[in-house]
Amino acid sequence: MNIYFEDGQVVDETILATMKKAAEYCLDLEQVDQERTEISVTFVEGEEIRNLNREYRDTDKVTDVLSFPQFDDLNEIPEFGEICLGDVVICKDRALEQAEEFGHSFEREIIYLFTHSILHLLGYDHMEEDEKKEMRQREEEVMAHLGILRDSRGE
């Protein structure tokens, strides 16, 4: 499992190790070969994610995280070679705001947003109530596996 960051972006080793554990666990749950998988992560400011959100989702507002999956369906994953699962874009500003709002650390919020995004890359969504419930359960399972207890997020 390789996680690539935009040039010049440095991530704390503890956060990186936890991100990697989260991604590996998500991949194992979905039976995707983690040894062949690559994910790109970029941290951006509010205005940049707003522009991306407007361009790709027709929503003109700052959001916390965007996911750009390479596959519409996990059955499209090639049997051999590298699996470029997709791109994760996390807004540092929103992560900090949400950490304060929910009363937990910035690091915990980054891990949650990253996990949320990985699940999107693996085909999960939350547009319909049943999908949202399934995705939230999977997020809680991953966070519990990481030893990160549920917070007051309530989503």
Protein backbone atom coordinates (compact mmCIF):
# COMPACT_ATOMS: atom_id res chain seq x y z
CA MET A 1 0.00 0.00 0.00
CA ASN A 2 1.45 3.28 -1.07
CA ILE A 3 0.10 6.68 -0.14
CA TYR A 4 1.49 9.51 -2.21
CA PHE A 5 1.35 13.16 -1.21
CA GLU A 6 1.63 16.20 -3.45
CA ASP A 7 5.21 17.41 -3.77
CA GLY A 8 6.31 19.42 -0.77
CA GLN A 9 3.57 18.20 1.54
CA VAL A 10 4.88 16.66 4.72
CA VAL A 11 2.74 14.54 7.03
CA ASP A 12 3.52 13.68 10.63
CA GLU A 13 4.84 10.10 10.82
CA THR A 14 2.21 9.08 13.41
CA ILE A 15 -0.63 10.40 11.25
CA LEU A 16 0.85 8.74 8.17
CA ALA A 17 1.13 5.39 9.96
CA THR A 18 -2.50 5.62 11.11
CA MET A 19 -3.67 6.64 7.63
CA LYS A 20 -1.88 3.62 6.22
CA LYS A 21 -3.50 1.30 8.79
CA ALA A 22 -6.92 2.76 8.01
CA ALA A 23 -6.47 2.31 4.26
CA GLU A 24 -5.11 -1.23 4.64
CA TYR A 25 -8.03 -2.23 6.85
CA CYS A 26 -10.56 -0.74 4.39
CA LEU A 27 -8.88 -2.57 1.51
CA ASP A 28 -8.89 -5.86 3.43
CA LEU A 29 -12.60 -5.48 4.21
CA GLU A 30 -13.34 -5.05 0.51
CA GLN A 31 -10.83 -7.75 -0.52
CA VAL A 32 -8.67 -5.39 -2.54
CA ASP A 33 -4.98 -6.32 -2.70
CA GLN A 34 -3.31 -3.70 -0.55
CA GLU A 35 0.15 -4.68 -1.77
CA ARG A 36 -0.73 -3.37 -5.25
CA THR A 37 -2.74 -0.33 -4.21
CA GLU A 38 -1.79 3.33 -4.50
CA ILE A 39 -3.70 6.35 -3.23
CA SER A 40 -2.92 10.00 -3.82
CA VAL A 41 -3.56 12.52 -1.02
CA THR A 42 -3.46 16.28 -1.26
CA PHE A 43 -4.03 18.80 1.52
CA VAL A 44 -5.49 22.10 0.34
CA GLU A 45 -6.80 25.39 1.68
CA GLY A 46 -10.46 26.33 1.72
CA GLU A 47 -10.57 28.27 -1.54
CA GLU A 48 -8.91 25.46 -3.51
CA ILE A 49 -11.35 22.80 -2.30
CA ARG A 50 -14.22 25.21 -2.96
CA ASN A 51 -13.04 25.54 -6.57
CA LEU A 52 -12.74 21.77 -6.93
CA ASN A 53 -16.17 21.25 -5.35
CA ARG A 54 -17.69 23.78 -7.75
CA GLU A 55 -15.94 22.29 -10.78
CA TYR A 56 -16.60 18.61 -10.09
CA ARG A 57 -19.77 18.61 -8.00
CA ASP A 58 -21.52 21.86 -9.00
CA THR A 59 -21.51 22.88 -5.34
CA ASP A 60 -20.06 26.31 -4.65
CA LYS A 61 -18.93 25.88 -1.05
CA VAL A 62 -15.97 24.78 1.01
CA THR A 63 -16.14 21.12 1.97
CA ASP A 64 -13.96 18.96 4.19
CA VAL A 65 -12.91 16.22 1.80
CA LEU A 66 -13.33 15.21 -1.83
CA SER A 67 -12.76 11.78 -3.32
CA PHE A 68 -11.94 11.06 -6.93
CA PRO A 69 -12.21 7.30 -7.51
CA GLN A 70 -10.53 5.65 -10.48
CA PHE A 71 -13.15 2.91 -10.67
CA ASP A 72 -16.93 3.10 -10.82
CA ASP A 73 -17.11 -0.48 -9.63
CA LEU A 74 -14.56 -2.60 -7.77
CA ASN A 75 -15.07 -5.30 -10.42
CA GLU A 76 -13.17 -2.97 -12.79
CA ILE A 77 -9.96 -3.33 -10.77
CA PRO A 78 -7.30 -5.03 -12.90
CA GLU A 79 -6.23 -8.51 -11.91
CA PHE A 80 -2.53 -7.65 -12.23
CA GLY A 81 -0.34 -4.59 -11.80
CA GLU A 82 -0.72 -1.48 -9.71
CA ILE A 83 -4.15 -0.41 -8.53
CA CYS A 84 -4.37 3.38 -8.57
CA LEU A 85 -7.48 3.59 -6.41
CA GLY A 86 -7.94 7.33 -6.72
CA ASP A 87 -7.31 10.73 -5.20
CA VAL A 88 -8.19 12.16 -1.81
CA VAL A 89 -8.28 15.92 -1.29
CA ILE A 90 -8.56 17.11 2.32
CA CYS A 91 -9.19 20.70 3.33
CA LYS A 92 -6.94 21.49 6.28
CA ASP A 93 -9.01 24.54 7.23
CA ARG A 94 -12.27 22.59 7.49
CA ALA A 95 -10.54 19.72 9.31
CA LEU A 96 -9.29 22.16 11.94
CA GLU A 97 -12.72 23.81 12.27
CA GLN A 98 -14.46 20.45 12.59
CA ALA A 99 -11.96 19.17 15.13
CA GLU A 100 -12.70 22.19 17.29
CA GLU A 101 -16.46 21.87 16.70
CA PHE A 102 -16.51 18.19 17.68
CA GLY A 103 -14.02 18.57 20.50
CA HIS A 104 -11.32 16.25 19.30
CA SER A 105 -7.84 16.57 17.84
CA PHE A 106 -6.93 17.76 14.37
CA GLU A 107 -5.14 14.43 13.86
CA ARG A 108 -8.30 12.47 14.70
CA GLU A 109 -10.29 14.57 12.22
CA ILE A 110 -7.72 13.99 9.47
CA ILE A 111 -7.90 10.22 10.04
CA TYR A 112 -11.70 10.28 9.98
CA LEU A 113 -11.81 12.33 6.75
CA PHE A 114 -9.21 10.10 5.15
CA THR A 115 -11.14 6.96 6.12
CA HIS A 116 -14.37 8.50 4.83
CA SER A 117 -12.67 9.28 1.53
CA ILE A 118 -11.11 5.82 1.17
CA LEU A 119 -14.57 4.32 1.56
CA HIS A 120 -15.77 6.59 -1.27
CA LEU A 121 -12.89 5.34 -3.41
CA LEU A 122 -14.10 1.82 -2.66
CA GLY A 123 -17.64 2.59 -3.83
CA TYR A 124 -19.42 3.66 -0.65
CA ASP A 125 -21.76 6.65 -0.75
CA HIS A 126 -24.17 8.49 1.51
CA MET A 127 -26.70 10.02 -0.84
CA GLU A 128 -29.51 7.67 0.22
CA GLU A 129 -30.36 6.90 3.86
CA ASP A 130 -29.55 3.18 3.58
CA GLU A 131 -26.20 3.95 1.89
CA LYS A 132 -25.42 6.54 4.56
CA LYS A 133 -26.15 4.04 7.34
CA GLU A 134 -23.91 1.40 5.72
CA MET A 135 -21.08 3.87 5.20
CA ARG A 136 -21.29 5.21 8.76
CA GLN A 137 -21.17 1.67 10.14
CA ARG A 138 -18.07 0.92 8.07
CA GLU A 139 -16.43 4.18 9.22
CA GLU A 140 -17.11 3.28 12.85
CA GLU A 141 -15.72 -0.21 12.30
CA VAL A 142 -12.50 1.18 10.83
CA MET A 143 -12.10 3.83 13.53
CA ALA A 144 -12.71 1.21 16.24
CA HIS A 145 -10.10 -1.04 14.61
CA LEU A 146 -7.67 1.89 14.87
CA GLY A 147 -8.57 2.34 18.53
CA ILE A 148 -10.18 5.70 17.88
CA LEU A 149 -13.41 5.89 19.81
CA ARG A 150 -16.61 7.36 18.41
CA ASP A 151 -17.04 11.04 19.07
CA SER A 152 -19.97 13.38 19.11
CA ARG A 153 -20.02 13.61 15.31
CA GLY A 154 -23.48 11.97 15.19
CA GLU A 155 -23.55 11.82 11.39
